[in-house]
Amino acid sequence: MIAPQNRRRLMLLTVRYIGWPLVVLLVYDIAVVAAYKAGYLHWAALNQIPVSLLGSVVSILVVFRNTTSYARWWESRTLWGSIVNNSRSWGRQVTMTMRRPTDAEPGEAEAIKKKLIYYQVAWAHALRQHLRRLEPWSEIESFLSSEEITRLRKEKNIPVAIQQWQTAILCDALSRGWIDSMQWRAMDESLNDLVDAQGGAERIKNTPMPRLYDYLPQLCVQIFCIVLPLAMGASMGWFTPLGSALVGFIFLALDKIGRDLEDPFDNSIYDIPLTSITRTIEINLRQMLGETDLPEAITPVKDILW
């Protein structure tokens, strides 16, 4: 996620965001004006091009597509916000409601609590890598044993497998009297909410924008940028590149923003900051265990928050 610290930096990033398409547009505008001045484009029909009407139609298409793209991006952030909250609830339930029965071995309760917390941290990191289509092993090996890593290598959906382990421990705790039925139900609801959030994130990841729905606004923007200097050349002369490039910059930027926000789990700088979010979950849950040797929160690097 882009997180500039000052307005000047934001302006620079905005200009660089378009980059070469804007340079190509400016060169094209200059070429059109030069051709017009040389007498090659003195067509009466050029002055009749309805650029205002065309611009209005294109802007409606682009804004409609961008609204849909941002809705996907914001829903993804909302789902991960619920993952943060439910992970904290899970950590609180594990550390505060589970009690050690008299027949338990010394230190067994602390070991079980730590395992459940570490499973949840591993689940969050594994889900992040799962959505980004990346290998999770380096991210979760600190929270699982080598035997557990070996078992996970056979699984297709690693976060789901980790949740099965959590549920198995939870059922065992209920049968041994570590928690009562009401506590089990509350903790099981926390796991269900996490599964729902995972399913919502996977739905967004596995359902891309329809290709034609994505391509049409891009094509219309390109056509508009081609036609605009042709219609402006007669009235604005050598000032045409300035006006055309300014208007084209707006449409090109809006089109690119919509395409960049379509997939919020694409492991790009336009994603929601999953690395930062999962690090927050890790810090919060390990803190609940009383650990003090905690990692630092993720901060923006060169105005990018991962």
Protein backbone atom coordinates (compact mmCIF):
# COMPACT_ATOMS: atom_id res chain seq x y z
CA MET A 1 0.00 0.00 0.00
CA ILE A 2 1.36 3.43 -0.93
CA ALA A 3 1.68 5.60 2.18
CA PRO A 4 3.47 8.87 1.31
CA GLN A 5 4.48 11.03 4.24
CA ASN A 6 4.15 14.48 2.61
CA ARG A 7 2.19 16.18 -0.13
CA ARG A 8 5.20 16.91 -2.34
CA ARG A 9 6.14 13.25 -2.32
CA LEU A 10 2.56 12.32 -3.17
CA MET A 11 2.57 14.68 -6.17
CA LEU A 12 5.81 13.15 -7.43
CA LEU A 13 4.45 9.63 -7.06
CA THR A 14 1.28 10.64 -8.90
CA VAL A 15 3.23 11.94 -11.90
CA ARG A 16 5.50 8.89 -11.94
CA TYR A 17 2.44 6.66 -11.59
CA ILE A 18 1.46 7.29 -15.21
CA GLY A 19 5.00 7.47 -16.55
CA TRP A 20 5.50 6.42 -20.12
CA PRO A 21 1.84 6.55 -21.23
CA LEU A 22 1.82 10.25 -20.36
CA VAL A 23 5.09 10.83 -22.25
CA VAL A 24 3.71 9.01 -25.30
CA LEU A 25 0.53 11.09 -25.12
CA LEU A 26 2.51 14.33 -24.96
CA VAL A 27 4.66 13.36 -27.95
CA TYR A 28 1.54 12.40 -29.88
CA ASP A 29 -0.10 15.74 -29.05
CA ILE A 30 2.93 17.65 -30.33
CA ALA A 31 2.97 15.57 -33.51
CA VAL A 32 -0.72 16.27 -34.12
CA VAL A 33 -0.26 20.04 -33.71
CA ALA A 34 2.81 20.02 -35.98
CA ALA A 35 0.86 18.12 -38.65
CA TYR A 36 -2.03 20.55 -38.32
CA LYS A 37 0.26 23.58 -38.67
CA ALA A 38 1.84 21.97 -41.73
CA GLY A 39 -1.59 21.73 -43.35
CA TYR A 40 -2.08 17.98 -43.19
CA LEU A 41 -5.04 17.95 -40.77
CA HIS A 42 -7.23 20.77 -42.04
CA TRP A 43 -10.37 18.67 -42.08
CA ALA A 44 -13.65 20.41 -41.39
CA ALA A 45 -14.92 17.32 -39.58
CA LEU A 46 -12.28 17.63 -36.85
CA ASN A 47 -14.01 20.66 -35.36
CA GLN A 48 -17.24 18.67 -35.12
CA ILE A 49 -15.89 15.86 -32.93
CA PRO A 50 -18.12 15.76 -29.81
CA VAL A 51 -15.24 15.52 -27.34
CA SER A 52 -17.36 16.81 -24.46
CA LEU A 53 -19.97 14.11 -24.97
CA LEU A 54 -17.32 11.46 -25.50
CA GLY A 55 -15.47 12.57 -22.37
CA SER A 56 -18.65 12.38 -20.31
CA VAL A 57 -19.37 8.82 -21.47
CA VAL A 58 -15.80 7.69 -20.85
CA SER A 59 -15.74 9.26 -17.39
CA ILE A 60 -18.94 7.41 -16.44
CA LEU A 61 -17.44 4.09 -17.57
CA VAL A 62 -14.15 4.71 -15.74
CA VAL A 63 -15.82 5.86 -12.52
CA PHE A 64 -18.19 2.89 -12.56
CA ARG A 65 -15.30 0.46 -13.01
CA ASN A 66 -13.22 2.22 -10.34
CA THR A 67 -16.09 2.09 -7.88
CA THR A 68 -16.30 -1.67 -8.35
CA SER A 69 -12.52 -2.05 -8.00
CA TYR A 70 -12.41 0.01 -4.82
CA ALA A 71 -15.33 -1.96 -3.39
CA ARG A 72 -13.27 -5.14 -3.84
CA TRP A 73 -10.23 -3.49 -2.24
CA TRP A 74 -12.21 -2.13 0.71
CA GLU A 75 -14.05 -5.41 1.29
CA SER A 76 -10.67 -7.13 1.46
CA ARG A 77 -9.48 -4.63 4.06
CA THR A 78 -12.70 -5.10 6.03
CA LEU A 79 -12.29 -8.88 6.00
CA TRP A 80 -8.76 -8.59 7.31
CA GLY A 81 -9.93 -6.14 9.93
CA SER A 82 -12.31 -8.83 11.17
CA ILE A 83 -9.43 -11.33 11.12
CA VAL A 84 -7.43 -9.04 13.40
CA ASN A 85 -10.36 -8.63 15.81
CA ASN A 86 -11.27 -12.32 15.89
CA SER A 87 -7.63 -13.32 16.34
CA ARG A 88 -7.47 -11.06 19.38
CA SER A 89 -10.70 -12.56 20.69
CA TRP A 90 -9.29 -16.04 20.16
CA GLY A 91 -6.10 -15.11 22.02
CA ARG A 92 -8.08 -13.66 24.92
CA GLN A 93 -10.29 -16.73 25.14
CA VAL A 94 -7.32 -19.10 25.08
CA THR A 95 -5.25 -17.26 27.65
CA MET A 96 -8.02 -16.25 30.06
CA THR A 97 -10.75 -18.92 29.97
CA MET A 98 -8.84 -22.20 29.74
CA ARG A 99 -8.15 -23.60 33.20
CA ARG A 100 -5.82 -26.39 34.24
CA PRO A 101 -7.54 -29.45 35.78
CA THR A 102 -5.99 -31.18 38.76
CA ASP A 103 -4.89 -34.21 36.74
CA ALA A 104 -2.88 -32.14 34.24
CA GLU A 105 0.89 -32.35 34.12
CA PRO A 106 2.86 -29.32 35.39
CA GLY A 107 3.32 -26.84 32.57
CA GLU A 108 0.85 -28.65 30.33
CA ALA A 109 -1.69 -25.82 30.39
CA GLU A 110 0.92 -23.23 29.40
CA ALA A 111 2.14 -25.49 26.58
CA ILE A 112 -1.39 -25.97 25.23
CA LYS A 113 -2.13 -22.25 25.36
CA LYS A 114 1.12 -21.46 23.58
CA LYS A 115 0.40 -24.04 20.90
CA LEU A 116 -3.08 -22.64 20.23
CA ILE A 117 -1.75 -19.08 20.05
CA TYR A 118 1.13 -20.08 17.78
CA TYR A 119 -1.29 -22.00 15.57
CA GLN A 120 -3.31 -18.81 15.14
CA VAL A 121 -0.23 -16.76 14.29
CA ALA A 122 0.84 -19.42 11.78
CA TRP A 123 -2.68 -19.43 10.34
CA ALA A 124 -2.57 -15.67 9.73
CA HIS A 125 0.83 -15.81 8.02
CA ALA A 126 -0.17 -18.87 6.01
CA LEU A 127 -3.37 -17.19 4.83
CA ARG A 128 -1.41 -14.13 3.70
CA GLN A 129 0.93 -16.29 1.63
CA HIS A 130 -1.97 -18.40 0.40
CA LEU A 131 -3.74 -15.34 -1.00
CA ARG A 132 -0.55 -14.00 -2.56
CA ARG A 133 0.26 -17.39 -4.13
CA LEU A 134 3.59 -17.57 -2.27
CA GLU A 135 5.31 -20.34 -0.31
CA PRO A 136 4.48 -20.05 3.42
CA TRP A 137 7.21 -22.19 4.97
CA SER A 138 9.71 -19.48 5.90
CA GLU A 139 6.90 -17.45 7.49
CA ILE A 140 5.44 -20.21 9.69
CA GLU A 141 8.43 -22.40 10.59
CA SER A 142 9.03 -20.35 13.79
CA PHE A 143 5.58 -21.29 15.12
CA LEU A 144 5.32 -24.97 14.15
CA SER A 145 7.44 -28.04 14.69
CA SER A 146 9.33 -29.72 11.86
CA GLU A 147 6.85 -32.64 12.00
CA GLU A 148 3.92 -30.26 11.61
CA ILE A 149 5.61 -28.53 8.67
CA THR A 150 6.08 -31.93 7.03
CA ARG A 151 2.39 -32.74 7.49
CA LEU A 152 1.37 -29.37 6.04
CA ARG A 153 3.42 -29.92 2.89
CA LYS A 154 0.86 -32.54 1.89
CA GLU A 155 -2.09 -30.15 2.26
CA LYS A 156 -3.69 -28.09 -0.52
CA ASN A 157 -5.14 -25.42 1.78
CA ILE A 158 -2.69 -24.85 4.62
CA PRO A 159 -4.80 -22.36 6.67
CA VAL A 160 -7.70 -24.82 6.74
CA ALA A 161 -5.40 -27.62 7.94
CA ILE A 162 -4.09 -25.45 10.77
CA GLN A 163 -7.63 -24.64 11.85
CA GLN A 164 -8.41 -28.35 12.00
CA TRP A 165 -5.57 -28.76 14.46
CA GLN A 166 -6.95 -25.91 16.57
CA THR A 167 -10.39 -27.50 16.59
CA ALA A 168 -8.96 -30.89 17.57
CA ILE A 169 -7.16 -29.36 20.57
CA LEU A 170 -10.30 -27.44 21.50
CA CYS A 171 -12.42 -30.61 21.48
CA ASP A 172 -9.82 -32.40 23.58
CA ALA A 173 -9.83 -29.52 26.08
CA LEU A 174 -13.62 -29.81 26.35
CA SER A 175 -13.49 -33.56 26.99
CA ARG A 176 -10.81 -33.13 29.66
CA GLY A 177 -12.70 -30.37 31.45
CA TRP A 178 -10.32 -27.53 30.61
CA ILE A 179 -13.27 -25.56 29.26
CA ASP A 180 -17.02 -25.96 29.64
CA SER A 181 -19.58 -26.22 26.83
CA MET A 182 -20.36 -22.49 26.84
CA GLN A 183 -16.69 -21.59 26.56
CA TRP A 184 -16.24 -24.17 23.81
CA ARG A 185 -19.14 -22.66 21.87
CA ALA A 186 -17.70 -19.14 22.15
CA MET A 187 -14.26 -20.26 21.04
CA ASP A 188 -15.70 -22.31 18.20
CA GLU A 189 -17.63 -19.22 17.04
CA SER A 190 -14.34 -17.30 16.90
CA LEU A 191 -12.90 -20.00 14.65
CA ASN A 192 -16.03 -19.95 12.49
CA ASP A 193 -15.73 -16.18 12.05
CA LEU A 194 -12.11 -16.61 10.96
CA VAL A 195 -13.16 -19.27 8.44
CA ASP A 196 -15.85 -16.93 7.07
CA ALA A 197 -13.28 -14.16 6.61
CA GLN A 198 -10.90 -16.56 4.87
CA GLY A 199 -13.68 -17.65 2.52
CA GLY A 200 -14.51 -14.04 1.69
CA ALA A 201 -10.86 -13.25 0.91
CA GLU A 202 -10.55 -16.38 -1.26
CA ARG A 203 -13.72 -15.40 -3.12
CA ILE A 204 -12.20 -12.04 -4.05
CA LYS A 205 -8.88 -13.64 -5.01
CA ASN A 206 -10.44 -16.38 -7.13
CA THR A 207 -13.05 -14.19 -8.86
CA PRO A 208 -11.25 -11.68 -11.09
CA MET A 209 -12.99 -8.82 -12.81
CA PRO A 210 -14.66 -9.92 -16.08
CA ARG A 211 -12.15 -9.35 -18.88
CA LEU A 212 -14.44 -7.29 -21.11
CA TYR A 213 -15.62 -5.24 -18.11
CA ASP A 214 -11.99 -4.39 -17.45
CA TYR A 215 -10.95 -3.89 -21.10
CA LEU A 216 -13.75 -1.61 -22.31
CA PRO A 217 -12.95 1.41 -20.07
CA GLN A 218 -9.26 1.09 -20.95
CA LEU A 219 -10.05 1.04 -24.68
CA CYS A 220 -12.40 4.03 -24.39
CA VAL A 221 -9.76 6.05 -22.52
CA GLN A 222 -7.21 5.34 -25.25
CA ILE A 223 -9.65 6.35 -27.99
CA PHE A 224 -10.50 9.55 -26.12
CA CYS A 225 -6.81 10.46 -25.73
CA ILE A 226 -6.28 9.90 -29.48
CA VAL A 227 -9.26 12.00 -30.54
CA LEU A 228 -8.82 14.87 -28.05
CA PRO A 229 -5.83 16.69 -29.66
CA LEU A 230 -7.41 16.31 -33.11
CA ALA A 231 -10.44 18.28 -31.95
CA MET A 232 -8.45 20.84 -29.93
CA GLY A 233 -5.78 21.62 -32.52
CA ALA A 234 -7.76 24.20 -34.52
CA SER A 235 -8.74 26.31 -31.52
CA MET A 236 -5.73 25.97 -29.20
CA GLY A 237 -2.82 25.67 -31.61
CA TRP A 238 0.50 25.04 -29.86
CA PHE A 239 -1.28 25.07 -26.50
CA THR A 240 -3.01 21.83 -27.49
CA PRO A 241 -0.38 19.52 -25.90
CA LEU A 242 -0.81 21.31 -22.59
CA GLY A 243 -4.59 20.97 -22.48
CA SER A 244 -4.71 17.50 -24.02
CA ALA A 245 -1.98 16.10 -21.78
CA LEU A 246 -3.66 17.52 -18.67
CA VAL A 247 -7.04 16.01 -19.49
CA GLY A 248 -5.44 12.78 -20.71
CA PHE A 249 -3.42 12.53 -17.50
CA ILE A 250 -6.62 12.53 -15.45
CA PHE A 251 -8.24 9.79 -17.52
CA LEU A 252 -5.09 7.67 -17.72
CA ALA A 253 -4.56 7.94 -13.96
CA LEU A 254 -8.16 6.97 -13.18
CA ASP A 255 -7.98 4.01 -15.56
CA LYS A 256 -4.72 2.74 -14.02
CA ILE A 257 -6.02 3.19 -10.46
CA GLY A 258 -9.03 1.03 -11.25
CA ARG A 259 -6.88 -1.74 -12.76
CA ASP A 260 -4.41 -1.68 -9.87
CA LEU A 261 -7.13 -2.00 -7.22
CA GLU A 262 -8.85 -4.96 -8.87
CA ASP A 263 -6.74 -7.58 -7.07
CA PRO A 264 -5.91 -6.53 -3.50
CA PHE A 265 -3.90 -9.74 -2.94
CA ASP A 266 -1.58 -9.47 -5.96
CA ASN A 267 1.60 -8.92 -3.90
CA SER A 268 2.08 -5.46 -5.39
CA ILE A 269 2.47 -2.01 -3.85
CA TYR A 270 -1.26 -1.40 -4.39
CA ASP A 271 -2.38 -4.31 -2.17
CA ILE A 272 -3.79 -3.95 1.28
CA PRO A 273 -0.83 -4.17 3.71
CA LEU A 274 -1.10 -7.86 4.60
CA THR A 275 2.45 -8.14 5.93
CA SER A 276 1.83 -5.28 8.34
CA ILE A 277 -1.55 -6.68 9.40
CA THR A 278 -0.22 -10.19 10.08
CA ARG A 279 2.72 -8.76 12.00
CA THR A 280 0.21 -6.87 14.17
CA ILE A 281 -1.65 -10.12 14.83
CA GLU A 282 1.60 -11.84 15.78
CA ILE A 283 2.62 -9.07 18.18
CA ASN A 284 -0.81 -8.91 19.85
CA LEU A 285 -1.15 -12.66 20.37
CA ARG A 286 2.38 -13.25 21.59
CA GLN A 287 1.94 -10.34 23.98
CA MET A 288 -1.10 -12.14 25.43
CA LEU A 289 1.20 -15.05 26.27
CA GLY A 290 3.37 -12.70 28.28
CA GLU A 291 6.25 -12.75 25.81
CA THR A 292 8.49 -9.68 25.75
CA ASP A 293 10.86 -10.51 22.89
CA LEU A 294 8.43 -9.32 20.22
CA PRO A 295 9.14 -8.27 16.64
CA GLU A 296 8.78 -4.65 15.59
CA ALA A 297 5.69 -3.45 13.77
CA ILE A 298 6.02 -3.07 10.01
CA THR A 299 6.56 0.55 8.95
CA PRO A 300 6.54 2.11 5.45
CA VAL A 301 9.76 1.72 3.46
CA LYS A 302 10.17 4.37 0.77
CA ASP A 303 6.52 5.29 1.28
CA ILE A 304 5.37 1.68 0.71
CA LEU A 305 3.65 -0.30 3.46
CA TRP A 306 3.61 -4.03 2.76
